[in-house]
Amino acid sequence: MKVKIPHLQDPNRPHLDMGKRFAKARGDKGLTQLEVANQLGWARQKYAQYEVGVRSPRRRELAELCNLLEVTPGWILYGESGSSSSSPSAQRSCSSFPILGEPEAAERAIIDALYLQESWLEVHGLRSDNCSAMVVNDLGGGCAIPEGAVILARCNGKVVDGKPHVIAMDEQYLVRTLRLLPGKKAAVYKADNPEPDFTCSLNESSENITVIGRVAFVAHMGAV
């Protein structure tokens, strides 16, 4: 027996049109609901609820969806003209982040580029002049980020206690949790697994350790 959900039949509910626009953008990209959900690390049912109008995405979820589907929040939310996935202006509203090669390379060889919607970047306070993208090959123990993932790091010189950061050490990029020593300004690099005493003061370590920035985005996973 089919159960009618009253608000789904109400043409005045704005998120119904939003759901149709999600479906259109997904179709324009040639993706299934499952493929969209997998790329964002969600359950398929969660994304499906947005298309049928059962629920509306939060700001962060909306930004991740718009970036993946290459549409603007204005078009998804309000149907603003000129901002759909088929609009040339929407295609141009992207910022590119060169993906850096190995950190020991003198020229920091560019091996590819990461493209993100400017509207999504604005939501998260990210800009092309304060971020860097790179492939990270060492994630440490217990890290949910897949090895070899493309990561966008927020390079504003600030260390956030207990958050994952990209560091360059021993000729490779690593993701590690950075902590602040109690009562001190110095940041401390701490391995996420095995021995708790494996720490190294960044201020007193060799010059081989460099903090690149806090992890802000992981390709196919979204914002962190």
C-alpha atoms as a PDB file:
ATOM      1  CA  MET A   1       0.000   0.000   0.000  1.00  0.00           C
ATOM      2  CA  LYS A   2       1.312   3.417  -0.951  1.00  0.00           C
ATOM      3  CA  VAL A   3       1.318   6.005   1.790  1.00  0.00           C
ATOM      4  CA  LYS A   4       0.717   9.579   0.721  1.00  0.00           C
ATOM      5  CA  ILE A   5       2.906  12.174   2.359  1.00  0.00           C
ATOM      6  CA  PRO A   6       0.848  15.394   2.354  1.00  0.00           C
ATOM      7  CA  HIS A   7       3.692  17.887   2.099  1.00  0.00           C
ATOM      8  CA  LEU A   8       5.080  16.101  -0.954  1.00  0.00           C
ATOM      9  CA  GLN A   9       1.862  16.927  -2.793  1.00  0.00           C
ATOM     10  CA  ASP A  10       2.026  20.610  -1.844  1.00  0.00           C
ATOM     11  CA  PRO A  11       3.262  22.708  -4.819  1.00  0.00           C
ATOM     12  CA  ASN A  12       4.135  25.563  -2.474  1.00  0.00           C
ATOM     13  CA  ARG A  13       6.896  23.621  -0.751  1.00  0.00           C
ATOM     14  CA  PRO A  14      10.072  25.208  -2.196  1.00  0.00           C
ATOM     15  CA  HIS A  15      12.261  22.160  -1.635  1.00  0.00           C
ATOM     16  CA  LEU A  16      10.147  20.180  -4.117  1.00  0.00           C
ATOM     17  CA  ASP A  17      11.494  22.319  -6.951  1.00  0.00           C
ATOM     18  CA  MET A  18      14.924  22.046  -5.373  1.00  0.00           C
ATOM     19  CA  GLY A  19      14.656  18.259  -5.529  1.00  0.00           C
ATOM     20  CA  LYS A  20      13.807  18.405  -9.215  1.00  0.00           C
ATOM     21  CA  ARG A  21      16.819  20.608  -9.834  1.00  0.00           C
ATOM     22  CA  PHE A  22      19.043  18.136  -7.990  1.00  0.00           C
ATOM     23  CA  ALA A  23      17.673  15.383 -10.230  1.00  0.00           C
ATOM     24  CA  LYS A  24      18.282  17.457 -13.367  1.00  0.00           C
ATOM     25  CA  ALA A  25      21.838  18.349 -12.384  1.00  0.00           C
ATOM     26  CA  ARG A  26      22.565  14.724 -11.554  1.00  0.00           C
ATOM     27  CA  GLY A  27      21.158  13.632 -14.904  1.00  0.00           C
ATOM     28  CA  ASP A  28      23.225  16.257 -16.733  1.00  0.00           C
ATOM     29  CA  LYS A  29      26.337  14.773 -15.108  1.00  0.00           C
ATOM     30  CA  GLY A  30      25.290  11.257 -16.096  1.00  0.00           C
ATOM     31  CA  LEU A  31      25.320  10.024 -12.500  1.00  0.00           C
ATOM     32  CA  THR A  32      22.987   7.714 -10.616  1.00  0.00           C
ATOM     33  CA  GLN A  33      21.807   8.457  -7.094  1.00  0.00           C
ATOM     34  CA  LEU A  34      24.133   5.754  -5.822  1.00  0.00           C
ATOM     35  CA  GLU A  35      27.134   7.238  -7.656  1.00  0.00           C
ATOM     36  CA  VAL A  36      26.440  10.680  -6.190  1.00  0.00           C
ATOM     37  CA  ALA A  37      26.130   9.219  -2.707  1.00  0.00           C
ATOM     38  CA  ASN A  38      29.308   7.150  -3.059  1.00  0.00           C
ATOM     39  CA  GLN A  39      31.390  10.112  -4.231  1.00  0.00           C
ATOM     40  CA  LEU A  40      30.260  12.118  -1.205  1.00  0.00           C
ATOM     41  CA  GLY A  41      30.613   9.237   1.236  1.00  0.00           C
ATOM     42  CA  TRP A  42      26.874   9.203   2.000  1.00  0.00           C
ATOM     43  CA  ALA A  43      24.202   6.500   2.065  1.00  0.00           C
ATOM     44  CA  ARG A  44      22.121   6.465  -1.117  1.00  0.00           C
ATOM     45  CA  GLN A  45      18.935   6.998   0.897  1.00  0.00           C
ATOM     46  CA  LYS A  46      20.286  10.267   2.282  1.00  0.00           C
ATOM     47  CA  TYR A  47      20.769  11.774  -1.160  1.00  0.00           C
ATOM     48  CA  ALA A  48      17.498  10.288  -2.471  1.00  0.00           C
ATOM     49  CA  GLN A  49      15.611  12.167   0.247  1.00  0.00           C
ATOM     50  CA  TYR A  50      16.856  15.457  -1.192  1.00  0.00           C
ATOM     51  CA  GLU A  51      15.531  14.629  -4.652  1.00  0.00           C
ATOM     52  CA  VAL A  52      12.047  13.616  -3.461  1.00  0.00           C
ATOM     53  CA  GLY A  53      11.762  16.538  -1.049  1.00  0.00           C
ATOM     54  CA  VAL A  54      11.630  14.647   2.235  1.00  0.00           C
ATOM     55  CA  ARG A  55      14.438  16.784   3.624  1.00  0.00           C
ATOM     56  CA  SER A  56      16.665  19.670   2.615  1.00  0.00           C
ATOM     57  CA  PRO A  57      20.484  19.631   2.748  1.00  0.00           C
ATOM     58  CA  ARG A  58      22.387  21.659   5.282  1.00  0.00           C
ATOM     59  CA  ARG A  59      24.714  24.401   4.100  1.00  0.00           C
ATOM     60  CA  ARG A  60      27.809  22.210   4.059  1.00  0.00           C
ATOM     61  CA  GLU A  61      25.979  19.362   2.323  1.00  0.00           C
ATOM     62  CA  LEU A  62      24.548  21.783  -0.231  1.00  0.00           C
ATOM     63  CA  ALA A  63      28.022  23.125  -0.985  1.00  0.00           C
ATOM     64  CA  GLU A  64      29.409  19.615  -1.490  1.00  0.00           C
ATOM     65  CA  LEU A  65      26.536  18.651  -3.788  1.00  0.00           C
ATOM     66  CA  CYS A  66      26.843  21.824  -5.852  1.00  0.00           C
ATOM     67  CA  ASN A  67      30.558  21.262  -6.268  1.00  0.00           C
ATOM     68  CA  LEU A  68      30.063  17.669  -7.402  1.00  0.00           C
ATOM     69  CA  LEU A  69      27.164  18.451  -9.743  1.00  0.00           C
ATOM     70  CA  GLU A  70      28.788  21.671 -11.033  1.00  0.00           C
ATOM     71  CA  VAL A  71      25.851  23.940 -10.259  1.00  0.00           C
ATOM     72  CA  THR A  72      25.501  27.003  -8.059  1.00  0.00           C
ATOM     73  CA  PRO A  73      23.574  27.122  -4.761  1.00  0.00           C
ATOM     74  CA  GLY A  74      21.463  29.944  -6.202  1.00  0.00           C
ATOM     75  CA  TRP A  75      20.171  27.707  -8.978  1.00  0.00           C
ATOM     76  CA  ILE A  76      19.510  24.735  -6.692  1.00  0.00           C
ATOM     77  CA  LEU A  77      17.724  26.801  -4.035  1.00  0.00           C
ATOM     78  CA  TYR A  78      15.905  29.408  -6.073  1.00  0.00           C
ATOM     79  CA  GLY A  79      16.197  28.422  -9.721  1.00  0.00           C
ATOM     80  CA  GLU A  80      18.242  31.514 -10.513  1.00  0.00           C
ATOM     81  CA  SER A  81      18.731  31.801 -14.248  1.00  0.00           C
ATOM     82  CA  GLY A  82      22.186  31.433 -15.737  1.00  0.00           C
ATOM     83  CA  SER A  83      23.499  29.223 -12.968  1.00  0.00           C
ATOM     84  CA  SER A  84      22.438  25.709 -13.985  1.00  0.00           C
ATOM     85  CA  SER A  85      24.900  22.993 -14.921  1.00  0.00           C
ATOM     86  CA  SER A  86      24.331  23.738 -18.614  1.00  0.00           C
ATOM     87  CA  SER A  87      25.117  27.432 -18.235  1.00  0.00           C
ATOM     88  CA  PRO A  88      28.531  28.629 -19.513  1.00  0.00           C
ATOM     89  CA  SER A  89      28.749  31.016 -16.555  1.00  0.00           C
ATOM     90  CA  ALA A  90      28.425  28.091 -14.146  1.00  0.00           C
ATOM     91  CA  GLN A  91      31.257  26.264 -15.891  1.00  0.00           C
ATOM     92  CA  ARG A  92      33.463  29.337 -15.633  1.00  0.00           C
ATOM     93  CA  SER A  93      32.770  29.877 -11.921  1.00  0.00           C
ATOM     94  CA  CYS A  94      35.431  27.377 -10.875  1.00  0.00           C
ATOM     95  CA  SER A  95      38.842  27.873  -9.318  1.00  0.00           C
ATOM     96  CA  SER A  96      41.687  25.537 -10.166  1.00  0.00           C
ATOM     97  CA  PHE A  97      44.266  24.369  -7.646  1.00  0.00           C
ATOM     98  CA  PRO A  98      47.428  22.848  -9.138  1.00  0.00           C
ATOM     99  CA  ILE A  99      48.167  19.482  -7.546  1.00  0.00           C
ATOM    100  CA  LEU A 100      51.757  19.592  -6.372  1.00  0.00           C
ATOM    101  CA  GLY A 101      54.261  16.817  -6.927  1.00  0.00           C
ATOM    102  CA  GLU A 102      56.712  15.522  -4.360  1.00  0.00           C
ATOM    103  CA  PRO A 103      57.778  18.250  -1.897  1.00  0.00           C
ATOM    104  CA  GLU A 104      61.501  17.644  -2.435  1.00  0.00           C
ATOM    105  CA  ALA A 105      61.207  18.636  -6.098  1.00  0.00           C
ATOM    106  CA  ALA A 106      62.822  22.038  -6.472  1.00  0.00           C
ATOM    107  CA  GLU A 107      60.255  23.162  -9.012  1.00  0.00           C
ATOM    108  CA  ARG A 108      57.377  21.561  -6.994  1.00  0.00           C
ATOM    109  CA  ALA A 109      56.225  19.863 -10.173  1.00  0.00           C
ATOM    110  CA  ILE A 110      52.553  20.219 -11.010  1.00  0.00           C
ATOM    111  CA  ILE A 111      51.057  16.861 -11.924  1.00  0.00           C
ATOM    112  CA  ASP A 112      47.369  17.793 -12.297  1.00  0.00           C
ATOM    113  CA  ALA A 113      44.768  20.275 -11.067  1.00  0.00           C
ATOM    114  CA  LEU A 114      41.775  20.211  -8.728  1.00  0.00           C
ATOM    115  CA  TYR A 115      38.723  22.226  -9.829  1.00  0.00           C
ATOM    116  CA  LEU A 116      36.204  23.470  -7.258  1.00  0.00           C
ATOM    117  CA  GLN A 117      33.150  25.719  -7.533  1.00  0.00           C
ATOM    118  CA  GLU A 118      33.823  29.262  -6.335  1.00  0.00           C
ATOM    119  CA  SER A 119      30.452  29.294  -4.559  1.00  0.00           C
ATOM    120  CA  TRP A 120      31.510  26.252  -2.531  1.00  0.00           C
ATOM    121  CA  LEU A 121      34.885  27.790  -1.739  1.00  0.00           C
ATOM    122  CA  GLU A 122      33.197  30.967  -0.533  1.00  0.00           C
ATOM    123  CA  VAL A 123      30.956  29.014   1.837  1.00  0.00           C
ATOM    124  CA  HIS A 124      34.016  27.434   3.471  1.00  0.00           C
ATOM    125  CA  GLY A 125      36.197  30.553   3.427  1.00  0.00           C
ATOM    126  CA  LEU A 126      38.686  29.077   0.963  1.00  0.00           C
ATOM    127  CA  ARG A 127      40.482  30.919  -1.842  1.00  0.00           C
ATOM    128  CA  SER A 128      43.014  30.077  -4.493  1.00  0.00           C
ATOM    129  CA  ASP A 129      45.590  32.227  -2.700  1.00  0.00           C
ATOM    130  CA  ASN A 130      45.291  30.514   0.694  1.00  0.00           C
ATOM    131  CA  CYS A 131      45.110  26.838  -0.297  1.00  0.00           C
ATOM    132  CA  SER A 132      47.286  24.176  -1.892  1.00  0.00           C
ATOM    133  CA  ALA A 133      46.372  20.773  -3.331  1.00  0.00           C
ATOM    134  CA  MET A 134      48.543  17.682  -3.219  1.00  0.00           C
ATOM    135  CA  VAL A 135      48.435  13.886  -3.300  1.00  0.00           C
ATOM    136  CA  VAL A 136      49.014  12.438   0.166  1.00  0.00           C
ATOM    137  CA  ASN A 137      50.559   8.978   0.384  1.00  0.00           C
ATOM    138  CA  ASP A 138      50.968   8.542   4.141  1.00  0.00           C
ATOM    139  CA  LEU A 139      47.838   8.944   6.221  1.00  0.00           C
ATOM    140  CA  GLY A 140      48.891   7.422   9.522  1.00  0.00           C
ATOM    141  CA  GLY A 141      46.930   4.851  11.482  1.00  0.00           C
ATOM    142  CA  GLY A 142      43.169   5.047  11.813  1.00  0.00           C
ATOM    143  CA  CYS A 143      42.752   7.773   9.183  1.00  0.00           C
ATOM    144  CA  ALA A 144      39.501   7.647   7.195  1.00  0.00           C
ATOM    145  CA  ILE A 145      41.065   9.411   4.204  1.00  0.00           C
ATOM    146  CA  PRO A 146      42.042   6.909   1.483  1.00  0.00           C
ATOM    147  CA  GLU A 147      45.732   6.643   0.657  1.00  0.00           C
ATOM    148  CA  GLY A 148      46.662   8.492  -2.507  1.00  0.00           C
ATOM    149  CA  ALA A 149      43.779  10.938  -2.095  1.00  0.00           C
ATOM    150  CA  VAL A 150      43.934  14.468  -3.456  1.00  0.00           C
ATOM    151  CA  ILE A 151      43.729  16.854  -0.505  1.00  0.00           C
ATOM    152  CA  LEU A 152      43.182  20.601  -0.385  1.00  0.00           C
ATOM    153  CA  ALA A 153      44.990  22.204   2.552  1.00  0.00           C
ATOM    154  CA  ARG A 154      44.151  25.583   4.081  1.00  0.00           C
ATOM    155  CA  CYS A 155      47.529  27.334   4.155  1.00  0.00           C
ATOM    156  CA  ASN A 156      46.835  30.270   6.470  1.00  0.00           C
ATOM    157  CA  GLY A 157      49.674  29.587   8.886  1.00  0.00           C
ATOM    158  CA  LYS A 158      47.318  28.614  11.715  1.00  0.00           C
ATOM    159  CA  VAL A 159      47.412  25.285  13.495  1.00  0.00           C
ATOM    160  CA  VAL A 160      44.107  24.033  14.924  1.00  0.00           C
ATOM    161  CA  ASP A 161      44.609  21.769  17.912  1.00  0.00           C
ATOM    162  CA  GLY A 162      43.493  18.192  17.359  1.00  0.00           C
ATOM    163  CA  LYS A 163      42.697  18.625  13.642  1.00  0.00           C
ATOM    164  CA  PRO A 164      44.310  16.786  10.698  1.00  0.00           C
ATOM    165  CA  HIS A 165      46.977  18.753   8.847  1.00  0.00           C
ATOM    166  CA  VAL A 166      49.162  18.090   5.833  1.00  0.00           C
ATOM    167  CA  ILE A 167      52.865  18.165   6.621  1.00  0.00           C
ATOM    168  CA  ALA A 168      55.897  17.622   4.413  1.00  0.00           C
ATOM    169  CA  MET A 169      58.429  15.306   6.023  1.00  0.00           C
ATOM    170  CA  ASP A 170      61.065  12.932   4.693  1.00  0.00           C
ATOM    171  CA  GLU A 171      60.355  13.803   1.077  1.00  0.00           C
ATOM    172  CA  GLN A 172      56.636  13.086   1.163  1.00  0.00           C
ATOM    173  CA  TYR A 173      53.295  14.571   2.182  1.00  0.00           C
ATOM    174  CA  LEU A 174      51.657  13.139   5.295  1.00  0.00           C
ATOM    175  CA  VAL A 175      48.400  13.743   7.133  1.00  0.00           C
ATOM    176  CA  ARG A 176      48.840  13.909  10.892  1.00  0.00           C
ATOM    177  CA  THR A 177      47.024  15.379  13.843  1.00  0.00           C
ATOM    178  CA  LEU A 178      48.720  18.509  15.142  1.00  0.00           C
ATOM    179  CA  ARG A 179      48.448  19.412  18.793  1.00  0.00           C
ATOM    180  CA  LEU A 180      49.498  22.405  20.827  1.00  0.00           C
ATOM    181  CA  LEU A 181      51.674  21.953  23.883  1.00  0.00           C
ATOM    182  CA  PRO A 182      49.896  23.096  27.054  1.00  0.00           C
ATOM    183  CA  GLY A 183      50.992  26.587  27.953  1.00  0.00           C
ATOM    184  CA  LYS A 184      53.137  26.942  24.855  1.00  0.00           C
ATOM    185  CA  LYS A 185      52.605  28.305  21.380  1.00  0.00           C
ATOM    186  CA  ALA A 186      54.713  25.643  19.731  1.00  0.00           C
ATOM    187  CA  ALA A 187      52.835  23.117  17.632  1.00  0.00           C
ATOM    188  CA  VAL A 188      53.616  19.467  18.197  1.00  0.00           C
ATOM    189  CA  TYR A 189      53.521  16.780  15.548  1.00  0.00           C
ATOM    190  CA  LYS A 190      52.046  13.592  16.972  1.00  0.00           C
ATOM    191  CA  ALA A 191      51.668  10.250  15.229  1.00  0.00           C
ATOM    192  CA  ASP A 192      48.054   9.087  15.152  1.00  0.00           C
ATOM    193  CA  ASN A 193      49.026   5.536  15.905  1.00  0.00           C
ATOM    194  CA  PRO A 194      51.289   3.441  17.449  1.00  0.00           C
ATOM    195  CA  GLU A 195      53.362   4.835  20.350  1.00  0.00           C
ATOM    196  CA  PRO A 196      51.900   7.787  22.271  1.00  0.00           C
ATOM    197  CA  ASP A 197      55.381   9.160  22.973  1.00  0.00           C
ATOM    198  CA  PHE A 198      56.216   9.565  19.283  1.00  0.00           C
ATOM    199  CA  THR A 199      56.109  13.334  19.225  1.00  0.00           C
ATOM    200  CA  CYS A 200      58.293  15.983  17.714  1.00  0.00           C
ATOM    201  CA  SER A 201      58.241  19.688  18.437  1.00  0.00           C
ATOM    202  CA  LEU A 202      58.007  21.462  15.107  1.00  0.00           C
ATOM    203  CA  ASN A 203      59.914  24.432  16.469  1.00  0.00           C
ATOM    204  CA  GLU A 204      62.822  22.293  17.614  1.00  0.00           C
ATOM    205  CA  SER A 205      62.850  19.648  14.899  1.00  0.00           C
ATOM    206  CA  SER A 206      65.021  19.446  11.848  1.00  0.00           C
ATOM    207  CA  GLU A 207      64.203  21.563   8.818  1.00  0.00           C
ATOM    208  CA  ASN A 208      62.761  18.498   7.102  1.00  0.00           C
ATOM    209  CA  ILE A 209      59.340  19.001   8.723  1.00  0.00           C
ATOM    210  CA  THR A 210      57.078  21.677   7.282  1.00  0.00           C
ATOM    211  CA  VAL A 211      53.417  22.320   8.056  1.00  0.00           C
ATOM    212  CA  ILE A 212      51.551  22.803   4.783  1.00  0.00           C
ATOM    213  CA  GLY A 213      48.137  23.497   6.266  1.00  0.00           C
ATOM    214  CA  ARG A 214      44.969  22.107   7.786  1.00  0.00           C
ATOM    215  CA  VAL A 215      43.040  19.565   5.702  1.00  0.00           C
ATOM    216  CA  ALA A 216      40.047  21.400   4.220  1.00  0.00           C
ATOM    217  CA  PHE A 217      38.791  19.122   1.441  1.00  0.00           C
ATOM    218  CA  VAL A 218      39.348  15.566   0.257  1.00  0.00           C
ATOM    219  CA  ALA A 219      38.442  14.713  -3.333  1.00  0.00           C
ATOM    220  CA  HIS A 220      35.373  12.426  -3.521  1.00  0.00           C
ATOM    221  CA  MET A 221      34.829  12.831   0.225  1.00  0.00           C
ATOM    222  CA  GLY A 222      34.083  16.534   0.623  1.00  0.00           C
ATOM    223  CA  ALA A 223      34.963  19.128   3.224  1.00  0.00           C
ATOM    224  CA  VAL A 224      36.732  18.130   6.436  1.00  0.00           C
END
